[in-house]
Amino acid sequence: MGAVSEVAQSEPDIIGMSKMGLLITAREDMALSQVSRSVRLLLGQIQRCRPALLSNQTARCLSQAASQPEPSADENEAVNPTFVNRNPRNLEQMALDVKDRGWKTTWPHREFYHRLMFSRSQHHVTAQVFSSCSPIPVLSCSTKEWAVKKELASTNCVAACQAVGEVLAQRCQQAGITRMVYRAIPWTYRSDSVQSFRAAMKAGGIILSEPRRKYVGS
């Protein structure tokens, strides 16, 4: 009887201890769920704040870069205020190059950059372009050339003058000389040969005059 009574008294104690254990585990689960929820909220806030932080950092970096002074040029990169023009055609095209005036009694006048000379002999037609700094022609075309002669029936007719003008105009365009001075002999200016030659040169894009020299004050 004593043993039975002891077993009956111990059963309520075991049930109470089990209930207390269940309560403790439930409380721990609730605490863990609350901790996990707070961690999730914190992570969400951090992810929302990251773009703002990055934009602020980039703006700060840009402002720092803008505030830095510009680097000074090295001696090798410095530009000399005075230099020598190695291409005189630039000044010539801008009409700033010096022209040799010569004597007023000389004919043809020497105030030019390039001069066109046209001559018609008893057998051939020749046209030449001279520079003011050289007595040797820069460009020339003549019916003595086989490439021109073989296309003509006669080497001194009006058609030959026109052909020479067309070929010389093409060569001038290839050389980059598009303006030149041409002063024909007065008693041959009205002839058909000179007029056809002039018309062929103009049709080829050559201007038979040069601009007046510009004087720039220092």
N, C-alpha and C. Protein backbone atom coordinates (compact mmCIF):
# COMPACT_ATOMS: atom_id res chain seq x y z
N MET A 1 0.84 -1.19 0.00
CA MET A 1 0.00 0.00 0.00
C MET A 1 0.88 1.25 0.00
N GLY A 2 1.97 1.20 0.70
CA GLY A 2 2.86 2.38 0.73
C GLY A 2 3.48 2.66 -0.61
N ALA A 3 3.83 1.58 -1.33
CA ALA A 3 4.44 1.79 -2.65
C ALA A 3 3.45 2.37 -3.63
N VAL A 4 2.21 1.92 -3.54
CA VAL A 4 1.18 2.41 -4.47
C VAL A 4 0.92 3.88 -4.22
N SER A 5 0.89 4.26 -3.00
CA SER A 5 0.66 5.68 -2.69
C SER A 5 1.80 6.54 -3.17
N GLU A 6 3.04 6.06 -3.07
CA GLU A 6 4.17 6.85 -3.55
C GLU A 6 4.12 7.03 -5.08
N VAL A 7 3.72 5.99 -5.81
CA VAL A 7 3.60 6.10 -7.27
C VAL A 7 2.51 7.08 -7.65
N ALA A 8 1.38 7.06 -6.88
CA ALA A 8 0.28 7.97 -7.18
C ALA A 8 0.69 9.41 -6.92
N GLN A 9 1.52 9.63 -5.90
CA GLN A 9 1.97 11.01 -5.63
C GLN A 9 2.98 11.50 -6.68
N SER A 10 3.79 10.57 -7.22
CA SER A 10 4.82 11.01 -8.21
C SER A 10 4.24 11.31 -9.59
N GLU A 11 3.09 10.75 -9.93
CA GLU A 11 2.51 10.99 -11.27
C GLU A 11 2.15 12.46 -11.49
N PRO A 12 1.50 13.16 -10.54
CA PRO A 12 1.22 14.60 -10.78
C PRO A 12 2.49 15.41 -10.93
N ASP A 13 3.54 15.05 -10.19
CA ASP A 13 4.79 15.82 -10.35
C ASP A 13 5.36 15.67 -11.75
N ILE A 14 5.32 14.47 -12.29
CA ILE A 14 5.86 14.26 -13.67
C ILE A 14 5.04 15.04 -14.69
N ILE A 15 3.70 15.04 -14.53
CA ILE A 15 2.85 15.78 -15.48
C ILE A 15 3.13 17.27 -15.41
N GLY A 16 3.32 17.77 -14.19
CA GLY A 16 3.61 19.21 -14.06
C GLY A 16 4.93 19.57 -14.68
N MET A 17 5.93 18.73 -14.51
CA MET A 17 7.23 19.02 -15.11
C MET A 17 7.18 19.00 -16.63
N SER A 18 6.39 18.08 -17.18
CA SER A 18 6.25 18.04 -18.64
C SER A 18 5.55 19.28 -19.17
N LYS A 19 4.55 19.74 -18.43
CA LYS A 19 3.86 20.97 -18.87
C LYS A 19 4.80 22.15 -18.83
N MET A 20 5.61 22.24 -17.78
CA MET A 20 6.56 23.35 -17.68
C MET A 20 7.58 23.30 -18.83
N GLY A 21 8.00 22.07 -19.18
CA GLY A 21 8.94 21.96 -20.32
C GLY A 21 8.31 22.42 -21.62
N LEU A 22 7.03 22.09 -21.81
CA LEU A 22 6.36 22.54 -23.04
C LEU A 22 6.22 24.05 -23.08
N LEU A 23 5.92 24.65 -21.93
CA LEU A 23 5.82 26.12 -21.89
C LEU A 23 7.15 26.79 -22.22
N ILE A 24 8.23 26.22 -21.68
CA ILE A 24 9.56 26.81 -21.94
C ILE A 24 9.91 26.73 -23.43
N THR A 25 9.66 25.59 -24.08
CA THR A 25 9.96 25.45 -25.51
C THR A 25 9.10 26.39 -26.35
N ALA A 26 7.83 26.60 -25.97
CA ALA A 26 6.97 27.51 -26.71
C ALA A 26 7.49 28.93 -26.61
N ARG A 27 7.92 29.31 -25.37
CA ARG A 27 8.48 30.66 -25.21
C ARG A 27 9.76 30.84 -26.04
N GLU A 28 10.59 29.82 -26.06
CA GLU A 28 11.83 29.91 -26.86
C GLU A 28 11.52 30.05 -28.35
N ASP A 29 10.50 29.29 -28.79
CA ASP A 29 10.13 29.40 -30.21
C ASP A 29 9.63 30.80 -30.54
N MET A 30 8.82 31.37 -29.66
CA MET A 30 8.32 32.73 -29.88
C MET A 30 9.46 33.74 -29.90
N ALA A 31 10.42 33.57 -29.00
CA ALA A 31 11.56 34.49 -28.96
C ALA A 31 12.40 34.38 -30.24
N LEU A 32 12.60 33.13 -30.71
CA LEU A 32 13.35 32.96 -31.95
C LEU A 32 12.64 33.56 -33.15
N SER A 33 11.31 33.39 -33.20
CA SER A 33 10.55 33.97 -34.32
C SER A 33 10.62 35.49 -34.30
N GLN A 34 10.55 36.07 -33.08
CA GLN A 34 10.67 37.53 -32.99
C GLN A 34 12.05 38.01 -33.42
N VAL A 35 13.09 37.28 -33.02
CA VAL A 35 14.46 37.66 -33.42
C VAL A 35 14.63 37.57 -34.93
N SER A 36 14.12 36.49 -35.52
CA SER A 36 14.23 36.34 -36.97
C SER A 36 13.47 37.43 -37.71
N ARG A 37 12.30 37.82 -37.19
CA ARG A 37 11.51 38.88 -37.81
C ARG A 37 12.25 40.22 -37.73
N SER A 38 12.85 40.50 -36.59
CA SER A 38 13.61 41.76 -36.45
C SER A 38 14.82 41.78 -37.36
N VAL A 39 15.46 40.61 -37.52
CA VAL A 39 16.62 40.53 -38.42
C VAL A 39 16.19 40.79 -39.86
N ARG A 40 15.06 40.24 -40.27
CA ARG A 40 14.56 40.48 -41.62
C ARG A 40 14.25 41.95 -41.86
N LEU A 41 13.61 42.58 -40.89
CA LEU A 41 13.32 44.02 -41.03
C LEU A 41 14.60 44.83 -41.14
N LEU A 42 15.59 44.48 -40.35
CA LEU A 42 16.86 45.20 -40.40
C LEU A 42 17.56 45.04 -41.75
N LEU A 43 17.51 43.82 -42.29
CA LEU A 43 18.12 43.59 -43.61
C LEU A 43 17.38 44.37 -44.70
N GLY A 44 16.04 44.43 -44.59
CA GLY A 44 15.29 45.20 -45.57
C GLY A 44 15.63 46.67 -45.53
N GLN A 45 15.77 47.23 -44.35
CA GLN A 45 16.15 48.63 -44.22
C GLN A 45 17.54 48.89 -44.79
N ILE A 46 18.46 47.95 -44.55
CA ILE A 46 19.82 48.13 -45.08
C ILE A 46 19.81 48.12 -46.61
N GLN A 47 19.04 47.21 -47.22
CA GLN A 47 18.98 47.15 -48.68
C GLN A 47 18.35 48.41 -49.26
N ARG A 48 17.37 49.01 -48.54
CA ARG A 48 16.77 50.24 -49.04
C ARG A 48 17.74 51.41 -48.93
N CYS A 49 18.57 51.42 -47.96
CA CYS A 49 19.50 52.55 -47.75
C CYS A 49 20.76 52.46 -48.60
N ARG A 50 21.07 51.29 -49.17
CA ARG A 50 22.32 51.14 -49.95
C ARG A 50 22.38 52.04 -51.18
N PRO A 51 21.32 52.15 -52.05
CA PRO A 51 21.43 53.06 -53.22
C PRO A 51 21.68 54.50 -52.81
N ALA A 52 21.00 54.95 -51.73
CA ALA A 52 21.23 56.33 -51.29
C ALA A 52 22.67 56.54 -50.85
N LEU A 53 23.19 55.54 -50.12
CA LEU A 53 24.58 55.66 -49.68
C LEU A 53 25.55 55.69 -50.85
N LEU A 54 25.28 54.81 -51.86
CA LEU A 54 26.16 54.78 -53.03
C LEU A 54 26.11 56.09 -53.80
N SER A 55 24.91 56.65 -53.97
CA SER A 55 24.78 57.92 -54.70
C SER A 55 25.49 59.05 -53.95
N ASN A 56 25.38 59.03 -52.62
CA ASN A 56 26.08 60.06 -51.84
C ASN A 56 27.59 59.91 -51.97
N GLN A 57 28.07 58.66 -51.98
CA GLN A 57 29.51 58.44 -52.13
C GLN A 57 30.01 58.88 -53.49
N THR A 58 29.25 58.55 -54.54
CA THR A 58 29.67 58.97 -55.89
C THR A 58 29.66 60.48 -56.02
N ALA A 59 28.61 61.12 -55.47
CA ALA A 59 28.57 62.59 -55.53
C ALA A 59 29.75 63.19 -54.78
N ARG A 60 30.09 62.58 -53.63
CA ARG A 60 31.22 63.07 -52.86
C ARG A 60 32.53 62.91 -53.64
N CYS A 61 32.68 61.76 -54.34
CA CYS A 61 33.90 61.53 -55.13
C CYS A 61 33.99 62.51 -56.29
N LEU A 62 32.83 62.78 -56.94
CA LEU A 62 32.85 63.71 -58.06
C LEU A 62 33.19 65.12 -57.60
N SER A 63 32.63 65.51 -56.47
CA SER A 63 32.94 66.85 -55.95
C SER A 63 34.41 66.96 -55.58
N GLN A 64 34.98 65.88 -55.03
CA GLN A 64 36.40 65.91 -54.71
C GLN A 64 37.24 65.98 -55.98
N ALA A 65 36.81 65.23 -57.03
CA ALA A 65 37.57 65.27 -58.29
C ALA A 65 37.48 66.64 -58.95
N ALA A 66 36.30 67.28 -58.85
CA ALA A 66 36.15 68.60 -59.46
C ALA A 66 36.93 69.66 -58.71
N SER A 67 37.07 69.49 -57.43
CA SER A 67 37.79 70.49 -56.65
C SER A 67 39.30 70.40 -56.81
N GLN A 68 39.80 69.29 -57.36
CA GLN A 68 41.24 69.16 -57.54
C GLN A 68 41.73 70.10 -58.63
N PRO A 69 42.86 70.74 -58.52
CA PRO A 69 43.37 71.65 -59.55
C PRO A 69 43.82 70.88 -60.79
N GLU A 70 43.73 71.56 -61.95
CA GLU A 70 44.16 70.92 -63.20
C GLU A 70 45.68 70.78 -63.22
N PRO A 71 46.16 69.67 -63.76
CA PRO A 71 47.62 69.49 -63.82
C PRO A 71 48.25 70.46 -64.80
N SER A 72 49.40 70.96 -64.47
CA SER A 72 50.11 71.89 -65.33
C SER A 72 50.80 71.14 -66.45
N ALA A 73 50.90 71.81 -67.62
CA ALA A 73 51.52 71.18 -68.78
C ALA A 73 53.03 71.05 -68.57
N ASP A 74 53.55 69.93 -69.03
CA ASP A 74 54.99 69.72 -68.94
C ASP A 74 55.71 70.55 -70.00
N GLU A 75 57.02 70.55 -69.92
CA GLU A 75 57.79 71.31 -70.89
C GLU A 75 57.66 70.73 -72.29
N ASN A 76 57.52 69.42 -72.39
CA ASN A 76 57.38 68.80 -73.70
C ASN A 76 56.02 69.07 -74.32
N GLU A 77 55.00 69.31 -73.49
CA GLU A 77 53.66 69.55 -74.01
C GLU A 77 53.35 71.02 -74.20
N ALA A 78 54.21 71.91 -73.76
CA ALA A 78 53.95 73.34 -73.91
C ALA A 78 54.05 73.74 -75.38
N VAL A 79 53.17 74.65 -75.82
CA VAL A 79 53.12 75.11 -77.21
C VAL A 79 53.91 76.41 -77.32
N ASN A 80 54.79 76.45 -78.30
CA ASN A 80 55.60 77.64 -78.52
C ASN A 80 54.74 78.74 -79.14
N PRO A 81 54.73 79.94 -78.58
CA PRO A 81 53.89 81.01 -79.17
C PRO A 81 54.33 81.44 -80.56
N THR A 82 55.59 81.26 -80.90
CA THR A 82 56.10 81.60 -82.23
C THR A 82 56.58 80.33 -82.92
N PHE A 83 56.21 80.17 -84.18
CA PHE A 83 56.62 78.99 -84.92
C PHE A 83 56.83 79.38 -86.38
N VAL A 84 57.51 78.51 -87.11
CA VAL A 84 57.81 78.73 -88.52
C VAL A 84 56.83 77.93 -89.35
N ASN A 85 56.16 78.60 -90.28
CA ASN A 85 55.21 77.91 -91.16
C ASN A 85 55.99 77.20 -92.26
N ARG A 86 55.91 75.88 -92.24
CA ARG A 86 56.66 75.09 -93.22
C ARG A 86 55.86 74.78 -94.47
N ASN A 87 54.64 75.26 -94.55
CA ASN A 87 53.81 75.05 -95.73
C ASN A 87 53.38 76.42 -96.25
N PRO A 88 54.11 77.03 -97.17
CA PRO A 88 53.76 78.38 -97.63
C PRO A 88 52.45 78.43 -98.41
N ARG A 89 51.92 77.29 -98.84
CA ARG A 89 50.65 77.30 -99.55
C ARG A 89 49.50 77.78 -98.67
N ASN A 90 49.64 77.61 -97.34
CA ASN A 90 48.60 78.10 -96.44
C ASN A 90 48.48 79.62 -96.53
N LEU A 91 49.61 80.31 -96.44
CA LEU A 91 49.60 81.77 -96.56
C LEU A 91 49.16 82.20 -97.96
N GLU A 92 49.53 81.42 -98.94
CA GLU A 92 49.13 81.75 -100.31
C GLU A 92 47.62 81.64 -100.48
N GLN A 93 47.02 80.60 -99.93
CA GLN A 93 45.58 80.43 -100.06
C GLN A 93 44.81 81.48 -99.27
N MET A 94 45.40 81.98 -98.19
CA MET A 94 44.76 83.04 -97.42
C MET A 94 45.12 84.43 -97.93
N ALA A 95 45.90 84.51 -99.01
CA ALA A 95 46.31 85.77 -99.62
C ALA A 95 47.14 86.62 -98.65
N LEU A 96 47.94 85.96 -97.82
CA LEU A 96 48.81 86.65 -96.87
C LEU A 96 50.27 86.58 -97.27
N ASP A 97 50.60 85.74 -98.23
CA ASP A 97 51.99 85.60 -98.65
C ASP A 97 52.41 86.84 -99.44
N VAL A 98 53.72 87.09 -99.41
CA VAL A 98 54.25 88.28 -100.09
C VAL A 98 54.29 88.05 -101.59
N LYS A 99 53.88 89.06 -102.33
CA LYS A 99 53.96 89.02 -103.80
C LYS A 99 55.06 89.96 -104.28
N ASP A 100 55.82 89.48 -105.26
CA ASP A 100 56.89 90.30 -105.83
C ASP A 100 56.28 91.26 -106.84
N ARG A 101 56.33 92.55 -106.54
CA ARG A 101 55.69 93.53 -107.42
C ARG A 101 56.50 93.78 -108.69
N GLY A 102 57.82 93.90 -108.55
CA GLY A 102 58.64 94.17 -109.72
C GLY A 102 58.47 95.61 -110.23
N TRP A 103 59.07 95.87 -111.37
CA TRP A 103 58.96 97.20 -111.98
C TRP A 103 57.62 97.35 -112.68
N LYS A 104 57.11 98.57 -112.66
CA LYS A 104 55.82 98.82 -113.32
C LYS A 104 55.92 98.73 -114.83
N THR A 105 57.13 98.91 -115.37
CA THR A 105 57.28 98.87 -116.82
C THR A 105 57.42 97.45 -117.37
N THR A 106 57.61 96.46 -116.49
CA THR A 106 57.78 95.09 -116.97
C THR A 106 56.43 94.49 -117.35
N TRP A 107 56.46 93.66 -118.36
CA TRP A 107 55.24 92.97 -118.78
C TRP A 107 55.62 91.53 -119.15
N PRO A 108 54.88 90.55 -118.71
CA PRO A 108 53.72 90.65 -117.80
C PRO A 108 54.16 90.96 -116.37
N HIS A 109 53.24 91.48 -115.58
CA HIS A 109 53.55 91.87 -114.21
C HIS A 109 53.95 90.65 -113.38
N ARG A 110 54.78 90.91 -112.38
CA ARG A 110 55.30 89.83 -111.54
C ARG A 110 54.54 89.69 -110.22
N GLU A 111 53.45 90.41 -110.06
CA GLU A 111 52.68 90.33 -108.82
C GLU A 111 51.68 89.17 -108.92
N PHE A 112 52.17 87.97 -108.61
CA PHE A 112 51.32 86.78 -108.71
C PHE A 112 51.94 85.68 -107.84
N TYR A 113 51.12 84.67 -107.54
CA TYR A 113 51.59 83.43 -106.92
C TYR A 113 51.85 82.37 -107.99
N HIS A 114 50.93 82.25 -108.93
CA HIS A 114 51.07 81.35 -110.08
C HIS A 114 50.58 82.08 -111.32
N ARG A 115 51.31 81.88 -112.39
CA ARG A 115 50.98 82.55 -113.65
C ARG A 115 50.83 81.51 -114.75
N LEU A 116 49.83 81.71 -115.59
CA LEU A 116 49.55 80.81 -116.70
C LEU A 116 50.05 81.44 -118.00
N MET A 117 50.81 80.67 -118.75
CA MET A 117 51.34 81.12 -120.04
C MET A 117 50.81 80.20 -121.14
N PHE A 118 50.28 80.82 -122.20
CA PHE A 118 49.72 80.06 -123.32
C PHE A 118 50.39 80.54 -124.60
N SER A 119 50.86 79.57 -125.37
CA SER A 119 51.54 79.91 -126.63
C SER A 119 51.08 78.95 -127.72
N ARG A 120 50.94 79.50 -128.89
CA ARG A 120 50.52 78.71 -130.06
C ARG A 120 51.50 79.00 -131.20
N SER A 121 52.21 77.97 -131.57
CA SER A 121 53.19 78.11 -132.66
C SER A 121 52.58 77.61 -133.97
N GLN A 122 53.44 77.48 -134.97
CA GLN A 122 52.96 77.03 -136.28
C GLN A 122 52.61 75.54 -136.30
N HIS A 123 53.13 74.79 -135.30
CA HIS A 123 52.92 73.34 -135.30
C HIS A 123 52.27 72.82 -134.01
N HIS A 124 52.47 73.49 -132.88
CA HIS A 124 52.00 72.95 -131.61
C HIS A 124 51.40 74.04 -130.73
N VAL A 125 50.67 73.58 -129.72
CA VAL A 125 50.06 74.45 -128.70
C VAL A 125 50.62 74.03 -127.34
N THR A 126 51.06 75.01 -126.55
CA THR A 126 51.69 74.73 -125.26
C THR A 126 51.11 75.66 -124.21
N ALA A 127 50.88 75.11 -123.02
CA ALA A 127 50.40 75.91 -121.87
C ALA A 127 51.23 75.50 -120.66
N GLN A 128 51.66 76.49 -119.89
CA GLN A 128 52.53 76.23 -118.75
C GLN A 128 52.09 77.09 -117.56
N VAL A 129 52.30 76.54 -116.36
CA VAL A 129 51.99 77.25 -115.11
C VAL A 129 53.31 77.47 -114.38
N PHE A 130 53.62 78.75 -114.09
CA PHE A 130 54.85 79.11 -113.40
C PHE A 130 54.54 79.59 -111.99
N SER A 131 55.49 79.34 -111.09
CA SER A 131 55.40 79.87 -109.74
C SER A 131 56.24 81.13 -109.63
N SER A 132 55.92 81.96 -108.66
CA SER A 132 56.63 83.23 -108.51
C SER A 132 58.06 83.03 -108.02
N CYS A 133 58.35 81.87 -107.45
CA CYS A 133 59.68 81.64 -106.87
C CYS A 133 60.56 80.73 -107.72
N SER A 134 60.13 80.39 -108.94
CA SER A 134 60.92 79.48 -109.76
C SER A 134 60.67 79.76 -111.24
N PRO A 135 61.73 79.83 -112.04
CA PRO A 135 61.54 80.02 -113.49
C PRO A 135 61.15 78.74 -114.22
N ILE A 136 61.21 77.61 -113.53
CA ILE A 136 60.85 76.32 -114.14
C ILE A 136 59.34 76.13 -114.00
N PRO A 137 58.65 75.73 -115.05
CA PRO A 137 57.20 75.56 -114.94
C PRO A 137 56.82 74.47 -113.94
N VAL A 138 55.78 74.75 -113.17
CA VAL A 138 55.28 73.78 -112.20
C VAL A 138 54.44 72.71 -112.91
N LEU A 139 53.58 73.13 -113.80
CA LEU A 139 52.73 72.23 -114.58
C LEU A 139 52.78 72.68 -116.03
N SER A 140 52.60 71.73 -116.92
CA SER A 140 52.61 72.07 -118.35
C SER A 140 51.81 71.03 -119.12
N CYS A 141 51.36 71.43 -120.29
CA CYS A 141 50.64 70.54 -121.20
C CYS A 141 50.87 71.03 -122.62
N SER A 142 51.11 70.12 -123.52
CA SER A 142 51.42 70.48 -124.90
C SER A 142 50.93 69.40 -125.84
N THR A 143 50.70 69.82 -127.05
CA THR A 143 50.32 68.83 -128.08
C THR A 143 51.52 68.01 -128.53
N LYS A 144 52.71 68.31 -128.00
CA LYS A 144 53.87 67.47 -128.29
C LYS A 144 53.81 66.14 -127.55
N GLU A 145 53.00 66.08 -126.49
CA GLU A 145 52.84 64.84 -125.75
C GLU A 145 52.02 63.85 -126.59
N TRP A 146 52.48 62.63 -126.62
CA TRP A 146 51.82 61.63 -127.44
C TRP A 146 50.40 61.32 -126.94
N ALA A 147 50.19 61.38 -125.62
CA ALA A 147 48.87 61.09 -125.08
C ALA A 147 47.84 62.11 -125.54
N VAL A 148 48.26 63.34 -125.79
CA VAL A 148 47.35 64.37 -126.29
C VAL A 148 47.32 64.37 -127.81
N LYS A 149 48.48 64.16 -128.41
CA LYS A 149 48.61 64.26 -129.87
C LYS A 149 47.80 63.18 -130.59
N LYS A 150 47.74 61.98 -130.02
CA LYS A 150 47.09 60.87 -130.72
C LYS A 150 45.57 61.03 -130.77
N GLU A 151 45.01 61.93 -129.94
CA GLU A 151 43.57 62.14 -129.93
C GLU A 151 43.14 63.29 -130.82
N LEU A 152 44.09 63.97 -131.46
CA LEU A 152 43.77 65.16 -132.24
C LEU A 152 44.05 64.92 -133.72
N ALA A 153 43.24 65.60 -134.55
CA ALA A 153 43.48 65.55 -136.00
C ALA A 153 44.56 66.53 -136.40
N SER A 154 44.65 67.66 -135.66
CA SER A 154 45.67 68.66 -135.92
C SER A 154 46.19 69.15 -134.59
N THR A 155 47.48 69.51 -134.52
CA THR A 155 48.10 69.90 -133.25
C THR A 155 48.16 71.41 -133.06
N ASN A 156 47.56 72.20 -133.93
CA ASN A 156 47.59 73.65 -133.76
C ASN A 156 46.24 74.30 -134.07
N CYS A 157 45.17 73.52 -134.08
CA CYS A 157 43.85 74.08 -134.39
C CYS A 157 43.16 74.52 -133.10
N VAL A 158 41.94 75.01 -133.25
CA VAL A 158 41.17 75.47 -132.09
C VAL A 158 40.82 74.30 -131.18
N ALA A 159 40.52 73.15 -131.76
CA ALA A 159 40.21 71.97 -130.96
C ALA A 159 41.42 71.54 -130.12
N ALA A 160 42.63 71.71 -130.67
CA ALA A 160 43.84 71.39 -129.91
C ALA A 160 44.00 72.33 -128.73
N CYS A 161 43.69 73.61 -128.91
CA CYS A 161 43.75 74.57 -127.80
C CYS A 161 42.76 74.19 -126.69
N GLN A 162 41.57 73.78 -127.09
CA GLN A 162 40.58 73.37 -126.10
C GLN A 162 41.03 72.10 -125.36
N ALA A 163 41.60 71.15 -126.08
CA ALA A 163 42.07 69.91 -125.45
C ALA A 163 43.20 70.19 -124.47
N VAL A 164 44.12 71.07 -124.84
CA VAL A 164 45.21 71.42 -123.93
C VAL A 164 44.67 72.09 -122.68
N GLY A 165 43.66 72.94 -122.83
CA GLY A 165 43.06 73.58 -121.66
C GLY A 165 42.38 72.59 -120.74
N GLU A 166 41.69 71.61 -121.30
CA GLU A 166 41.02 70.61 -120.47
C GLU A 166 42.03 69.75 -119.70
N VAL A 167 43.07 69.31 -120.38
CA VAL A 167 44.08 68.46 -119.72
C VAL A 167 44.83 69.25 -118.64
N LEU A 168 45.19 70.49 -118.93
CA LEU A 168 45.92 71.29 -117.95
C LEU A 168 45.04 71.62 -116.74
N ALA A 169 43.77 71.85 -116.97
CA ALA A 169 42.86 72.12 -115.85
C ALA A 169 42.76 70.90 -114.93
N GLN A 170 42.71 69.72 -115.52
CA GLN A 170 42.67 68.51 -114.70
C GLN A 170 43.96 68.34 -113.90
N ARG A 171 45.09 68.62 -114.49
CA ARG A 171 46.36 68.51 -113.77
C ARG A 171 46.47 69.56 -112.66
N CYS A 172 45.95 70.75 -112.90
CA CYS A 172 45.97 71.78 -111.86
C CYS A 172 45.09 71.38 -110.68
N GLN A 173 43.95 70.77 -110.97
CA GLN A 173 43.08 70.31 -109.89
C GLN A 173 43.77 69.22 -109.06
N GLN A 174 44.47 68.33 -109.72
CA GLN A 174 45.17 67.27 -109.00
C GLN A 174 46.32 67.84 -108.17
N ALA A 175 46.95 68.92 -108.63
CA ALA A 175 48.06 69.53 -107.89
C ALA A 175 47.59 70.49 -106.81
N GLY A 176 46.30 70.83 -106.80
CA GLY A 176 45.78 71.75 -105.79
C GLY A 176 45.95 73.21 -106.14
N ILE A 177 46.25 73.53 -107.38
CA ILE A 177 46.39 74.92 -107.82
C ILE A 177 45.13 75.28 -108.60
N THR A 178 44.26 76.04 -107.97
CA THR A 178 42.97 76.36 -108.60
C THR A 178 42.84 77.83 -108.97
N ARG A 179 43.80 78.66 -108.57
CA ARG A 179 43.76 80.08 -108.93
C ARG A 179 45.11 80.48 -109.47
N MET A 180 45.08 81.23 -110.56
CA MET A 180 46.30 81.70 -111.21
C MET A 180 45.99 82.93 -112.05
N VAL A 181 47.06 83.63 -112.37
CA VAL A 181 46.93 84.85 -113.17
C VAL A 181 47.19 84.52 -114.62
N TYR A 182 46.31 85.01 -115.51
CA TYR A 182 46.50 84.80 -116.94
C TYR A 182 46.25 86.12 -117.65
N ARG A 183 47.28 86.61 -118.32
CA ARG A 183 47.17 87.84 -119.10
C ARG A 183 47.68 87.53 -120.50
N ALA A 184 46.72 87.44 -121.40
CA ALA A 184 47.07 87.12 -122.79
C ALA A 184 47.63 88.35 -123.50
N ILE A 185 48.32 88.10 -124.57
CA ILE A 185 48.83 89.20 -125.39
C ILE A 185 47.64 89.95 -125.98
N PRO A 186 47.64 91.28 -125.90
CA PRO A 186 46.44 92.04 -126.30
C PRO A 186 45.95 91.74 -127.71
N TRP A 187 46.84 91.60 -128.69
CA TRP A 187 46.38 91.40 -130.06
C TRP A 187 45.97 89.95 -130.36
N THR A 188 46.16 89.05 -129.39
CA THR A 188 45.69 87.68 -129.58
C THR A 188 44.57 87.29 -128.61
N TYR A 189 44.15 88.24 -127.78
CA TYR A 189 43.16 87.91 -126.77
C TYR A 189 41.81 87.54 -127.39
N ARG A 190 41.44 88.20 -128.48
CA ARG A 190 40.14 87.97 -129.10
C ARG A 190 40.12 86.81 -130.08
N SER A 191 41.23 86.12 -130.23
CA SER A 191 41.27 85.02 -131.19
C SER A 191 40.48 83.82 -130.66
N ASP A 192 40.05 83.00 -131.60
CA ASP A 192 39.25 81.82 -131.22
C ASP A 192 40.07 80.82 -130.39
N SER A 193 41.35 80.71 -130.67
CA SER A 193 42.19 79.75 -129.95
C SER A 193 42.32 80.13 -128.47
N VAL A 194 42.56 81.40 -128.20
CA VAL A 194 42.71 81.85 -126.82
C VAL A 194 41.38 81.75 -126.08
N GLN A 195 40.30 82.10 -126.73
CA GLN A 195 38.99 82.04 -126.09
C GLN A 195 38.58 80.60 -125.77
N SER A 196 38.87 79.67 -126.68
CA SER A 196 38.54 78.27 -126.41
C SER A 196 39.42 77.71 -125.29
N PHE A 197 40.68 78.15 -125.24
CA PHE A 197 41.56 77.71 -124.15
C PHE A 197 41.07 78.24 -122.81
N ARG A 198 40.69 79.52 -122.75
CA ARG A 198 40.18 80.10 -121.52
C ARG A 198 38.89 79.42 -121.07
N ALA A 199 38.01 79.16 -122.03
CA ALA A 199 36.74 78.51 -121.69
C ALA A 199 36.96 77.10 -121.13
N ALA A 200 37.94 76.37 -121.69
CA ALA A 200 38.22 75.02 -121.21
C ALA A 200 38.82 75.06 -119.79
N MET A 201 39.66 76.03 -119.52
CA MET A 201 40.24 76.15 -118.18
C MET A 201 39.17 76.49 -117.14
N LYS A 202 38.29 77.40 -117.51
CA LYS A 202 37.22 77.77 -116.58
C LYS A 202 36.24 76.62 -116.37
N ALA A 203 35.95 75.87 -117.42
CA ALA A 203 35.07 74.72 -117.28
C ALA A 203 35.68 73.64 -116.39
N GLY A 204 37.02 73.58 -116.35
CA GLY A 204 37.69 72.62 -115.49
C GLY A 204 37.81 73.05 -114.04
N GLY A 205 37.24 74.19 -113.67
CA GLY A 205 37.25 74.65 -112.29
C GLY A 205 38.41 75.53 -111.92
N ILE A 206 39.11 76.10 -112.88
CA ILE A 206 40.25 76.98 -112.63
C ILE A 206 39.80 78.43 -112.72
N ILE A 207 40.17 79.21 -111.72
CA ILE A 207 39.86 80.64 -111.70
C ILE A 207 41.09 81.39 -112.21
N LEU A 208 40.90 82.15 -113.27
CA LEU A 208 42.02 82.84 -113.92
C LEU A 208 42.24 84.22 -113.31
N SER A 209 42.27 84.29 -112.02
CA SER A 209 42.58 85.52 -111.30
C SER A 209 42.93 85.15 -109.87
N GLU A 210 43.66 86.01 -109.21
CA GLU A 210 44.07 85.77 -107.82
C GLU A 210 43.55 86.90 -106.94
N PRO A 211 43.27 86.61 -105.67
CA PRO A 211 42.81 87.68 -104.77
C PRO A 211 43.95 88.65 -104.45
N ARG A 212 43.56 89.84 -104.12
CA ARG A 212 44.56 90.83 -103.75
C ARG A 212 45.17 90.46 -102.41
N ARG A 213 46.43 90.83 -102.27
CA ARG A 213 47.14 90.47 -101.03
C ARG A 213 46.55 91.24 -99.86
N LYS A 214 46.40 90.53 -98.72
CA LYS A 214 45.88 91.14 -97.49
C LYS A 214 47.06 91.56 -96.62
N TYR A 215 46.97 92.78 -96.11
CA TYR A 215 48.02 93.30 -95.23
C TYR A 215 47.47 93.29 -93.81
N VAL A 216 48.07 92.47 -92.96
CA VAL A 216 47.63 92.34 -91.58
C VAL A 216 48.63 93.10 -90.70
N GLY A 217 48.10 94.03 -89.92
CA GLY A 217 48.96 94.82 -89.04
C GLY A 217 49.48 94.00 -87.89
N SER A 218 50.72 94.23 -87.52
CA SER A 218 51.34 93.47 -86.43
C SER A 218 50.91 94.05 -85.09
